[in-house]
Amino acid sequence: MNIQTPGVFELLGGIAYIISPWPLFYATLGTFLGITVGAIPGLTGSMLIALTLPLTFHMDSGHAIVLLVSMYMGAVSGGLISATLLRMPGTPASVMTTFDGHPMARAGKPGRALGLGISASFVGGLLGWVALVVLAPPLTRIAVRFGPFEYFTMTVMALVLIASVSGKSLWKGILAGLLGALVAMPGIDPSIGQLRLTFDRPELVAGFGVLPVLVGLFAVSQVIKDILDIEDRGLATELSLTGLFPRLSDAARHGWNAIRSSLIGIWIGILPGIGPNIASVVAYTTARNFSKHPEAFGKGSEEGIVAAEASNNAAVGGSLIPLVTLGIPGSVIDALLIGALVIHNIQPGPMMFVSNPEMVHAFVAACLVSSIFMYAMMLALVRPLSHLMRIPKALVLPAVMVFCVTGVFAYDNSWDNVWIMLAFGVLGFLMERAEIPLGPFVIGLILAPIAEAQLRSGLMLTAGDFSPILTRPASLGFLLVALAFLLWPLVRARRAKHRAPR
């Protein structure tokens, strides 16, 4: 099969597409909205994308992808503003930035802290784009050779891997994934065409829609959480733009740290389900271990800011690699992007290179252009964006709920979807209070139908024989990786028990 992976001409074609009027407009709008939402504590990139999904239903598919990817890039970067000035990470990926960004701002150098963070974000975004361009083609050529059993075991591996890194408890992660898979079951059985788990409720014949579930989990649950914490305003620092624009000497001083942290972010981004949050933690820890002044970390270290921001932005490009090559989301927001592709009747994974190559080019071009726009907008708009952080939540949250209800209702003019959204909003809030991660739930919701279809397809080809799962090398390899991640917590607990003093 001829896989049209993005070569030089395809990349140029993708860039030519995105600089045409409407895609350029959506790239600009998406980056701006992402930065704005990322800069406001309590609002997240996942909430923004979940709210935007209903609006993209009637859009051109390419325009929708450009808009959503640009929001993703902008939101990850925008969080550093509130992390630096308020000690409140605008997005989870900016948590590590608070450790050094806010102390530096309190020491009278907020412009310097923001300038380093913005420049590191730009470097990470560009290197993430390079990784997407370089690594996607060979991975796709491998993935296209997979059969149904490989895809089934790969989804199992992805679910276990995501569960193992998404919270304090592996078993809570697995429970969340199984709950997501259970939510995907009601409706029409795709293999035999019979109804299942509908409980004679006509509104469940089509199953739970991906859109109301995602909006409920990520937007409504966040609104509930913010309502209970509505008075929290953080520790504000006045903004001074001195040192905002980087100097040439900064490239020599922090260049290797930015490159190393970006490479860490790319690698961790490629691993399914981990994403920018973990990338920033690993890169920050690595930078501290290799630093000549580790005692400065947590007290306003420039190296810490560069490591955190370069890695979380590079992880965006890395997380898009498994999405476009394997159809497996590299982060929770990537799961929302897969939901967007499904809404537009596009199958993510290697066949997207054959049936919808323009979507691949849209992903690649949007990643590059939004990184450039992010850098320019952050430098130009940092002062007005700093004022947005002081908007009371009491004004923001009602508007968010109006958008949630309007968007979900307009999806197919059904109040059932609104009630589903509200129910899953409460469920998402309760899950987070119980420290049950939402990431595995969404991955289970998205991947369970794919895993089921692939397993049934494989069994039909082999007349019900399960043995190819163990006899095909790739399939067995995926299962062994999943088994290793399942057993590792038990091994670690046993080792800790033996080391404990008696």
Protein backbone atom coordinates (compact mmCIF):
# COMPACT_ATOMS: atom_id res chain seq x y z
CA MET A 1 0.00 0.00 0.00
CA ASN A 2 1.35 3.42 -0.92
CA ILE A 3 1.45 5.66 2.15
CA GLN A 4 1.59 9.33 1.28
CA THR A 5 3.73 10.50 4.17
CA PRO A 6 4.55 14.19 4.28
CA GLY A 7 7.63 14.88 2.16
CA VAL A 8 9.03 18.26 1.17
CA PHE A 9 6.33 19.01 -1.39
CA GLU A 10 3.55 17.85 0.93
CA LEU A 11 4.94 20.02 3.74
CA LEU A 12 5.09 23.00 1.43
CA GLY A 13 1.54 22.20 0.36
CA GLY A 14 0.42 22.06 3.98
CA ILE A 15 2.07 25.40 4.74
CA ALA A 16 0.54 26.90 1.60
CA TYR A 17 -2.84 25.65 2.78
CA ILE A 18 -2.56 27.12 6.23
CA ILE A 19 -1.45 30.57 5.03
CA SER A 20 -4.53 30.83 2.84
CA PRO A 21 -7.14 33.22 4.30
CA TRP A 22 -9.52 30.98 6.29
CA PRO A 23 -6.96 28.51 7.72
CA LEU A 24 -4.72 31.45 8.64
CA PHE A 25 -7.64 33.10 10.39
CA TYR A 26 -8.44 29.94 12.36
CA ALA A 27 -4.77 29.43 13.28
CA THR A 28 -4.59 33.01 14.57
CA LEU A 29 -7.91 32.73 16.42
CA GLY A 30 -7.08 29.34 17.92
CA THR A 31 -3.65 30.43 19.17
CA PHE A 32 -5.08 33.62 20.68
CA LEU A 33 -7.95 31.81 22.41
CA GLY A 34 -5.60 29.10 23.68
CA ILE A 35 -3.19 31.64 25.17
CA THR A 36 -6.06 33.61 26.69
CA VAL A 37 -7.72 30.59 28.29
CA GLY A 38 -4.36 29.19 29.41
CA ALA A 39 -3.57 32.48 31.17
CA ILE A 40 -6.80 32.44 33.21
CA PRO A 41 -6.55 30.16 36.28
CA GLY A 42 -9.41 27.68 36.42
CA LEU A 43 -9.82 27.45 32.65
CA THR A 44 -7.86 24.76 30.82
CA GLY A 45 -6.99 23.85 27.26
CA SER A 46 -9.05 20.68 27.51
CA MET A 47 -12.06 22.74 28.61
CA LEU A 48 -11.58 25.15 25.68
CA ILE A 49 -11.31 22.36 23.11
CA ALA A 50 -14.27 20.50 24.59
CA LEU A 51 -16.34 23.69 24.36
CA THR A 52 -15.22 24.29 20.78
CA LEU A 53 -15.97 20.77 19.49
CA PRO A 54 -19.70 21.46 18.93
CA LEU A 55 -18.86 24.60 16.96
CA THR A 56 -16.64 22.65 14.57
CA PHE A 57 -19.35 20.18 13.58
CA HIS A 58 -20.42 22.18 10.53
CA MET A 59 -16.93 23.52 9.75
CA ASP A 60 -14.60 22.28 7.04
CA SER A 61 -12.57 19.41 8.54
CA GLY A 62 -9.22 21.02 7.79
CA HIS A 63 -10.31 24.32 9.32
CA ALA A 64 -11.51 22.50 12.45
CA ILE A 65 -8.18 20.69 12.90
CA VAL A 66 -6.19 23.89 12.43
CA LEU A 67 -8.36 25.67 15.00
CA LEU A 68 -8.13 22.91 17.62
CA VAL A 69 -4.39 22.22 17.24
CA SER A 70 -3.69 25.96 17.48
CA MET A 71 -5.75 26.12 20.68
CA TYR A 72 -3.70 23.22 22.05
CA MET A 73 -0.39 24.96 21.35
CA GLY A 74 -1.60 28.28 22.72
CA ALA A 75 -3.10 26.88 25.93
CA VAL A 76 0.06 25.01 26.94
CA SER A 77 2.09 28.22 26.54
CA GLY A 78 -0.43 30.65 28.04
CA GLY A 79 -0.34 28.95 31.42
CA LEU A 80 3.10 30.35 32.19
CA ILE A 81 1.69 33.89 32.60
CA SER A 82 -0.50 33.10 35.60
CA ALA A 83 2.10 30.62 36.90
CA THR A 84 4.68 33.42 36.96
CA LEU A 85 2.58 36.35 38.13
CA LEU A 86 0.01 34.64 40.38
CA ARG A 87 1.73 31.38 41.40
CA MET A 88 -1.35 29.67 39.94
CA PRO A 89 -0.65 27.46 36.92
CA GLY A 90 -3.08 28.38 34.16
CA THR A 91 -2.78 24.82 32.87
CA PRO A 92 -1.50 21.64 34.58
CA ALA A 93 1.53 21.69 32.24
CA SER A 94 2.69 24.95 33.89
CA VAL A 95 2.88 23.60 37.44
CA MET A 96 6.68 23.31 37.36
CA THR A 97 6.98 26.89 36.06
CA THR A 98 5.47 28.21 39.31
CA PHE A 99 8.45 26.89 41.28
CA ASP A 100 10.89 29.37 39.76
CA GLY A 101 8.79 31.77 37.69
CA HIS A 102 6.91 33.24 40.64
CA PRO A 103 9.97 33.62 42.94
CA MET A 104 11.78 35.42 40.11
CA ALA A 105 8.76 37.67 39.57
CA ARG A 106 8.55 38.42 43.32
CA ALA A 107 12.24 39.30 43.23
CA GLY A 108 11.49 42.12 40.77
CA LYS A 109 12.17 40.33 37.48
CA PRO A 110 8.75 39.25 36.12
CA GLY A 111 9.64 40.39 32.59
CA ARG A 112 12.80 38.31 32.60
CA ALA A 113 10.92 35.24 33.86
CA LEU A 114 8.21 35.61 31.20
CA GLY A 115 10.74 36.31 28.44
CA LEU A 116 12.70 33.14 29.21
CA GLY A 117 9.50 31.08 29.41
CA ILE A 118 8.13 32.41 26.12
CA SER A 119 11.42 31.84 24.27
CA ALA A 120 11.77 28.33 25.70
CA SER A 121 8.19 27.59 24.68
CA PHE A 122 9.00 28.66 21.13
CA VAL A 123 12.10 26.45 20.96
CA GLY A 124 10.17 23.49 22.33
CA GLY A 125 7.30 24.03 19.89
CA LEU A 126 9.65 24.16 16.89
CA LEU A 127 11.58 21.05 17.91
CA GLY A 128 8.29 19.24 18.55
CA TRP A 129 7.22 20.11 15.02
CA VAL A 130 10.52 18.78 13.62
CA ALA A 131 9.97 15.50 15.48
CA LEU A 132 6.44 15.25 14.07
CA VAL A 133 7.77 15.71 10.53
CA VAL A 134 10.70 13.31 10.91
CA LEU A 135 9.18 10.49 12.97
CA ALA A 136 5.63 10.26 11.61
CA PRO A 137 6.52 8.72 8.19
CA PRO A 138 8.59 5.73 9.42
CA LEU A 139 6.14 4.96 12.23
CA THR A 140 3.27 5.04 9.77
CA ARG A 141 5.02 2.63 7.40
CA ILE A 142 5.37 0.21 10.31
CA ALA A 143 1.84 0.69 11.61
CA VAL A 144 0.20 0.10 8.23
CA ARG A 145 1.48 -3.49 8.34
CA PHE A 146 -0.41 -4.19 11.55
CA GLY A 147 -3.39 -6.53 11.49
CA PRO A 148 -6.45 -6.53 13.76
CA PHE A 149 -4.72 -8.44 16.57
CA GLU A 150 -1.86 -5.92 16.65
CA TYR A 151 -4.32 -3.05 16.88
CA PHE A 152 -6.26 -4.78 19.63
CA THR A 153 -3.21 -5.48 21.79
CA MET A 154 -1.85 -1.99 21.06
CA THR A 155 -5.01 -0.40 22.43
CA VAL A 156 -4.81 -2.66 25.50
CA MET A 157 -1.19 -1.58 26.00
CA ALA A 158 -2.12 2.08 25.59
CA LEU A 159 -4.89 1.81 28.17
CA VAL A 160 -2.62 0.09 30.72
CA LEU A 161 0.23 2.53 30.07
CA ILE A 162 -2.06 5.53 30.46
CA ALA A 163 -3.56 4.10 33.64
CA SER A 164 -0.11 3.50 35.11
CA VAL A 165 1.03 7.14 34.76
CA SER A 166 -2.23 9.05 35.24
CA GLY A 167 -2.48 9.05 39.01
CA LYS A 168 -1.19 7.77 42.32
CA SER A 169 -2.87 4.38 41.92
CA LEU A 170 -2.54 2.07 38.94
CA TRP A 171 -5.77 0.32 39.89
CA LYS A 172 -7.71 3.57 39.97
CA GLY A 173 -6.38 4.31 36.49
CA ILE A 174 -7.46 0.89 35.25
CA LEU A 175 -10.86 1.36 36.91
CA ALA A 176 -11.25 4.69 35.11
CA GLY A 177 -10.35 3.09 31.79
CA LEU A 178 -12.85 0.27 32.30
CA LEU A 179 -15.56 2.78 33.23
CA GLY A 180 -14.84 4.64 30.00
CA ALA A 181 -15.07 1.39 28.04
CA LEU A 182 -18.38 0.61 29.76
CA VAL A 183 -19.79 4.01 28.77
CA ALA A 184 -18.88 3.21 25.15
CA MET A 185 -20.90 -0.03 25.16
CA PRO A 186 -24.59 1.11 25.08
CA GLY A 187 -26.18 1.39 21.65
CA ILE A 188 -26.02 -0.78 18.56
CA ASP A 189 -23.56 -3.64 18.52
CA PRO A 190 -21.29 -2.85 15.51
CA SER A 191 -20.80 -6.50 14.61
CA ILE A 192 -24.31 -7.97 14.77
CA GLY A 193 -26.47 -4.84 14.64
CA GLN A 194 -28.45 -5.60 17.81
CA LEU A 195 -29.17 -3.22 20.67
CA ARG A 196 -27.24 -3.71 23.89
CA LEU A 197 -27.26 -2.08 27.34
CA THR A 198 -29.96 0.41 26.37
CA PHE A 199 -32.37 -0.68 29.14
CA ASP A 200 -35.28 0.06 26.77
CA ARG A 201 -34.40 3.76 26.82
CA PRO A 202 -34.81 5.24 23.32
CA GLU A 203 -32.27 8.00 24.04
CA LEU A 204 -29.57 5.32 24.47
CA VAL A 205 -30.15 3.66 21.10
CA ALA A 206 -27.37 5.76 19.59
CA GLY A 207 -25.22 5.37 22.70
CA PHE A 208 -23.62 8.16 24.70
CA GLY A 209 -22.37 10.80 22.30
CA VAL A 210 -18.65 11.51 22.54
CA LEU A 211 -19.26 15.25 22.49
CA PRO A 212 -21.60 15.64 25.52
CA VAL A 213 -19.47 13.21 27.51
CA LEU A 214 -16.26 15.14 26.82
CA VAL A 215 -17.81 18.56 27.46
CA GLY A 216 -19.28 17.28 30.72
CA LEU A 217 -16.07 15.66 31.94
CA PHE A 218 -13.74 18.54 31.17
CA ALA A 219 -15.83 21.71 31.12
CA VAL A 220 -18.76 21.19 33.48
CA SER A 221 -16.69 19.34 36.09
CA GLN A 222 -14.16 22.20 36.06
CA VAL A 223 -16.98 24.71 36.53
CA ILE A 224 -18.24 22.79 39.57
CA LYS A 225 -14.72 22.66 40.99
CA ASP A 226 -14.19 26.40 40.44
CA ILE A 227 -17.55 27.28 42.01
CA LEU A 228 -16.42 25.58 45.23
CA ASP A 229 -13.14 27.52 45.11
CA ILE A 230 -14.47 30.77 43.68
CA GLU A 231 -12.63 33.14 46.03
CA ASP A 232 -9.11 31.87 45.26
CA ARG A 233 -7.24 34.67 43.44
CA GLY A 234 -3.62 33.65 43.97
CA LEU A 235 -0.68 35.88 44.93
CA ALA A 236 -0.59 38.69 42.38
CA THR A 237 2.66 40.30 41.21
CA GLU A 238 2.80 43.56 39.31
CA LEU A 239 4.14 43.20 35.77
CA SER A 240 7.33 44.89 34.60
CA LEU A 241 8.38 44.28 30.99
CA THR A 242 12.08 44.77 31.71
CA GLY A 243 13.98 41.77 30.33
CA LEU A 244 11.00 40.43 28.37
CA PHE A 245 12.87 40.26 25.07
CA PRO A 246 15.67 37.68 25.05
CA ARG A 247 19.32 38.51 24.45
CA LEU A 248 21.79 36.70 22.21
CA SER A 249 23.75 35.66 25.29
CA ASP A 250 20.70 33.71 26.48
CA ALA A 251 21.06 31.32 23.54
CA ALA A 252 24.56 30.36 24.64
CA ARG A 253 23.63 30.24 28.30
CA HIS A 254 20.40 28.27 28.08
CA GLY A 255 20.50 26.73 24.59
CA TRP A 256 21.61 23.23 25.58
CA ASN A 257 19.12 23.12 28.46
CA ALA A 258 16.31 24.11 26.09
CA ILE A 259 17.30 21.49 23.51
CA ARG A 260 17.74 18.71 26.09
CA SER A 261 14.43 19.56 27.76
CA SER A 262 12.70 19.66 24.36
CA LEU A 263 14.04 16.21 23.48
CA ILE A 264 12.76 14.90 26.82
CA GLY A 265 9.38 16.49 26.11
CA ILE A 266 9.21 14.95 22.63
CA TRP A 267 10.04 11.48 23.89
CA ILE A 268 7.58 11.61 26.77
CA GLY A 269 4.94 13.15 24.48
CA ILE A 270 5.22 10.15 22.14
CA LEU A 271 4.39 7.76 25.00
CA PRO A 272 0.60 7.32 24.98
CA GLY A 273 -1.33 9.19 27.62
CA ILE A 274 1.50 11.01 29.42
CA GLY A 275 1.66 14.41 27.76
CA PRO A 276 3.10 17.80 28.75
CA ASN A 277 2.46 17.53 32.50
CA ILE A 278 4.84 14.64 33.11
CA ALA A 279 7.28 15.97 30.50
CA SER A 280 7.79 19.19 32.45
CA VAL A 281 8.39 17.26 35.69
CA VAL A 282 11.02 14.97 34.13
CA ALA A 283 12.77 17.80 32.26
CA TYR A 284 12.80 20.02 35.38
CA THR A 285 14.27 17.22 37.48
CA THR A 286 16.89 16.47 34.83
CA ALA A 287 17.89 20.14 34.58
CA ARG A 288 18.30 20.35 38.36
CA ASN A 289 20.42 17.19 38.43
CA PHE A 290 22.75 18.52 35.72
CA SER A 291 22.84 22.11 36.96
CA LYS A 292 25.93 23.72 38.48
CA HIS A 293 23.60 25.53 40.88
CA PRO A 294 20.89 23.03 41.90
CA GLU A 295 20.31 24.95 45.12
CA ALA A 296 18.78 27.80 43.06
CA PHE A 297 15.91 25.63 41.82
CA GLY A 298 12.67 26.55 43.51
CA LYS A 299 14.02 30.00 44.37
CA GLY A 300 13.96 31.67 40.95
CA SER A 301 16.25 29.59 38.73
CA GLU A 302 16.31 30.58 35.07
CA GLU A 303 17.27 27.00 34.18
CA GLY A 304 14.12 25.69 35.83
CA ILE A 305 11.86 27.99 33.83
CA VAL A 306 13.55 27.08 30.54
CA ALA A 307 13.38 23.34 31.25
CA ALA A 308 9.71 23.38 32.23
CA GLU A 309 8.47 25.48 29.32
CA ALA A 310 10.62 23.93 26.58
CA SER A 311 9.58 20.41 27.56
CA ASN A 312 5.82 20.98 27.88
CA ASN A 313 5.61 22.69 24.48
CA ALA A 314 7.80 20.06 22.78
CA ALA A 315 5.52 17.37 24.23
CA VAL A 316 2.64 18.77 22.13
CA GLY A 317 4.39 17.88 18.87
CA GLY A 318 5.50 14.56 20.34
CA SER A 319 1.98 13.66 21.46
CA LEU A 320 0.62 14.28 17.96
CA ILE A 321 2.93 11.57 16.57
CA PRO A 322 1.04 8.53 17.97
CA LEU A 323 -2.23 10.27 17.13
CA VAL A 324 -1.57 10.64 13.40
CA THR A 325 0.43 7.41 12.99
CA LEU A 326 -1.33 4.92 15.27
CA GLY A 327 -4.64 6.56 16.15
CA ILE A 328 -3.67 6.50 19.85
CA PRO A 329 -3.85 9.78 21.79
CA GLY A 330 -0.62 10.95 23.39
CA SER A 331 -2.48 13.05 25.98
CA VAL A 332 -5.98 13.87 27.19
CA ILE A 333 -6.27 16.78 24.73
CA ASP A 334 -5.20 14.42 21.94
CA ALA A 335 -8.15 12.23 22.92
CA LEU A 336 -10.35 15.28 22.33
CA LEU A 337 -8.70 15.77 18.94
CA ILE A 338 -9.49 12.14 18.08
CA GLY A 339 -13.06 12.91 19.10
CA ALA A 340 -13.02 15.81 16.64
CA LEU A 341 -11.78 13.50 13.87
CA VAL A 342 -14.51 10.99 14.67
CA ILE A 343 -17.14 13.75 14.58
CA HIS A 344 -15.88 14.62 11.09
CA ASN A 345 -15.96 10.93 10.01
CA ILE A 346 -12.17 10.68 9.77
CA GLN A 347 -10.43 7.55 11.07
CA PRO A 348 -7.22 8.49 12.94
CA GLY A 349 -4.20 6.31 12.42
CA PRO A 350 -2.10 5.15 9.46
CA MET A 351 -5.07 4.95 7.07
CA MET A 352 -5.52 8.68 7.49
CA PHE A 353 -2.39 9.06 5.36
CA VAL A 354 -4.22 7.23 2.57
CA SER A 355 -7.81 8.39 2.87
CA ASN A 356 -7.31 11.89 4.29
CA PRO A 357 -3.69 13.00 3.71
CA GLU A 358 -4.79 16.63 3.80
CA MET A 359 -5.66 16.14 7.50
CA VAL A 360 -2.10 15.00 8.22
CA HIS A 361 -0.77 18.07 6.44
CA ALA A 362 -3.17 20.25 8.43
CA PHE A 363 -1.86 18.79 11.70
CA VAL A 364 1.76 19.33 10.70
CA ALA A 365 1.30 22.85 9.34
CA ALA A 366 -0.87 23.97 12.27
CA CYS A 367 1.78 22.80 14.73
CA LEU A 368 4.42 24.97 13.04
CA VAL A 369 2.37 28.09 12.37
CA SER A 370 0.74 28.15 15.81
CA SER A 371 4.20 27.94 17.44
CA ILE A 372 5.28 31.04 15.53
CA PHE A 373 2.03 32.86 16.30
CA MET A 374 2.29 31.88 19.96
CA TYR A 375 5.74 33.47 20.27
CA ALA A 376 4.67 36.71 18.62
CA MET A 377 1.37 36.99 20.51
CA MET A 378 2.86 36.21 23.91
CA LEU A 379 5.48 38.94 23.52
CA ALA A 380 3.00 41.46 22.15
CA LEU A 381 0.04 40.76 24.44
CA VAL A 382 1.60 39.80 27.75
CA ARG A 383 0.50 43.01 29.49
CA PRO A 384 -3.21 42.89 28.52
CA LEU A 385 -3.24 39.14 29.17
CA SER A 386 -1.95 39.77 32.68
CA HIS A 387 -5.12 41.80 33.39
CA LEU A 388 -7.36 38.91 32.29
CA MET A 389 -6.13 36.87 35.22
CA ARG A 390 -7.93 39.24 37.59
CA ILE A 391 -11.39 38.70 36.05
CA PRO A 392 -13.59 37.30 38.84
CA LYS A 393 -14.62 33.68 38.40
CA ALA A 394 -18.18 34.74 39.19
CA LEU A 395 -18.27 36.48 35.80
CA VAL A 396 -16.43 33.80 33.81
CA LEU A 397 -18.15 30.61 34.97
CA PRO A 398 -21.76 31.49 33.98
CA ALA A 399 -20.55 32.32 30.46
CA VAL A 400 -18.74 28.98 30.28
CA MET A 401 -21.92 27.12 31.28
CA VAL A 402 -23.96 28.99 28.66
CA PHE A 403 -21.47 27.92 25.99
CA CYS A 404 -21.56 24.33 27.26
CA VAL A 405 -25.35 24.05 27.11
CA THR A 406 -25.70 25.92 23.81
CA GLY A 407 -22.94 23.97 22.07
CA VAL A 408 -24.10 20.53 23.17
CA PHE A 409 -27.76 21.26 22.41
CA ALA A 410 -26.90 22.61 18.95
CA TYR A 411 -24.95 19.43 18.16
CA ASP A 412 -28.17 17.61 17.19
CA ASN A 413 -30.93 19.77 18.76
CA SER A 414 -31.49 17.34 21.61
CA TRP A 415 -31.97 18.10 25.30
CA ASP A 416 -30.92 14.52 26.03
CA ASN A 417 -27.36 15.50 25.24
CA VAL A 418 -27.57 18.40 27.69
CA TRP A 419 -28.66 16.07 30.50
CA ILE A 420 -25.92 13.61 29.54
CA MET A 421 -23.40 16.46 29.66
CA LEU A 422 -24.54 17.55 33.12
CA ALA A 423 -24.51 13.97 34.42
CA PHE A 424 -20.97 13.39 33.22
CA GLY A 425 -19.95 16.77 34.61
CA VAL A 426 -20.99 15.59 38.08
CA LEU A 427 -19.33 12.22 37.45
CA GLY A 428 -16.08 13.91 36.38
CA PHE A 429 -16.10 16.12 39.48
CA LEU A 430 -16.69 13.13 41.77
CA MET A 431 -13.97 11.11 40.03
CA GLU A 432 -11.42 13.86 40.55
CA ARG A 433 -12.42 14.24 44.19
CA ALA A 434 -11.84 10.50 44.57
CA GLU A 435 -8.49 10.87 42.73
CA ILE A 436 -9.70 8.69 39.87
CA PRO A 437 -8.02 10.18 36.78
CA LEU A 438 -10.09 11.38 33.84
CA GLY A 439 -7.43 10.57 31.25
CA PRO A 440 -7.85 6.77 31.27
CA PHE A 441 -11.65 7.23 31.28
CA VAL A 442 -11.52 9.22 28.04
CA ILE A 443 -9.01 6.83 26.48
CA GLY A 444 -11.26 3.90 27.39
CA LEU A 445 -14.25 5.70 25.88
CA ILE A 446 -12.38 6.40 22.63
CA LEU A 447 -10.36 3.21 22.27
CA ALA A 448 -12.81 0.56 23.51
CA PRO A 449 -14.92 0.55 20.31
CA ILE A 450 -11.74 0.34 18.23
CA ALA A 451 -10.36 -2.52 20.32
CA GLU A 452 -13.68 -4.39 20.16
CA ALA A 453 -13.98 -3.98 16.39
CA GLN A 454 -10.39 -5.09 15.79
CA LEU A 455 -10.68 -8.13 18.07
CA ARG A 456 -13.90 -9.28 16.44
CA SER A 457 -12.43 -8.70 13.00
CA GLY A 458 -9.40 -10.81 13.88
CA LEU A 459 -11.51 -13.61 15.34
CA MET A 460 -13.66 -13.72 12.22
CA LEU A 461 -10.53 -14.05 10.09
CA THR A 462 -9.22 -16.93 12.23
CA ALA A 463 -12.56 -18.66 12.90
CA GLY A 464 -12.43 -17.79 16.59
CA ASP A 465 -8.76 -18.65 17.15
CA PHE A 466 -7.10 -16.42 19.79
CA SER A 467 -3.61 -17.84 19.29
CA PRO A 468 -2.39 -15.12 16.84
CA ILE A 469 -2.41 -12.70 19.79
CA LEU A 470 0.50 -14.72 21.19
CA THR A 471 2.14 -15.94 17.99
CA ARG A 472 2.42 -12.65 16.10
CA PRO A 473 5.58 -10.83 17.32
CA ALA A 474 4.20 -7.29 17.46
CA SER A 475 1.00 -8.42 19.16
CA LEU A 476 2.93 -10.41 21.75
CA GLY A 477 5.29 -7.48 22.31
CA PHE A 478 2.42 -5.10 23.06
CA LEU A 479 0.92 -7.60 25.51
CA LEU A 480 4.25 -8.06 27.29
CA VAL A 481 4.65 -4.31 27.70
CA ALA A 482 1.12 -4.09 29.13
CA LEU A 483 1.85 -6.99 31.48
CA ALA A 484 5.09 -5.36 32.63
CA PHE A 485 3.29 -2.14 33.55
CA LEU A 486 0.61 -4.13 35.38
CA LEU A 487 3.15 -6.08 37.44
CA TRP A 488 5.62 -3.27 38.12
CA PRO A 489 3.63 -1.69 41.03
CA LEU A 490 3.50 -5.11 42.72
CA VAL A 491 7.25 -5.62 42.25
CA ARG A 492 7.98 -2.11 43.52
CA ALA A 493 5.77 -2.63 46.58
CA ARG A 494 7.46 -5.95 47.38
CA ARG A 495 10.94 -4.38 47.06
CA ALA A 496 9.92 -1.49 49.30
CA LYS A 497 8.60 -3.94 51.88
CA HIS A 498 11.88 -5.87 51.94
CA ARG A 499 13.92 -2.64 52.26
CA ALA A 500 11.78 -1.28 55.09
CA PRO A 501 13.46 -1.48 58.51
CA ARG A 502 12.16 -4.28 60.67
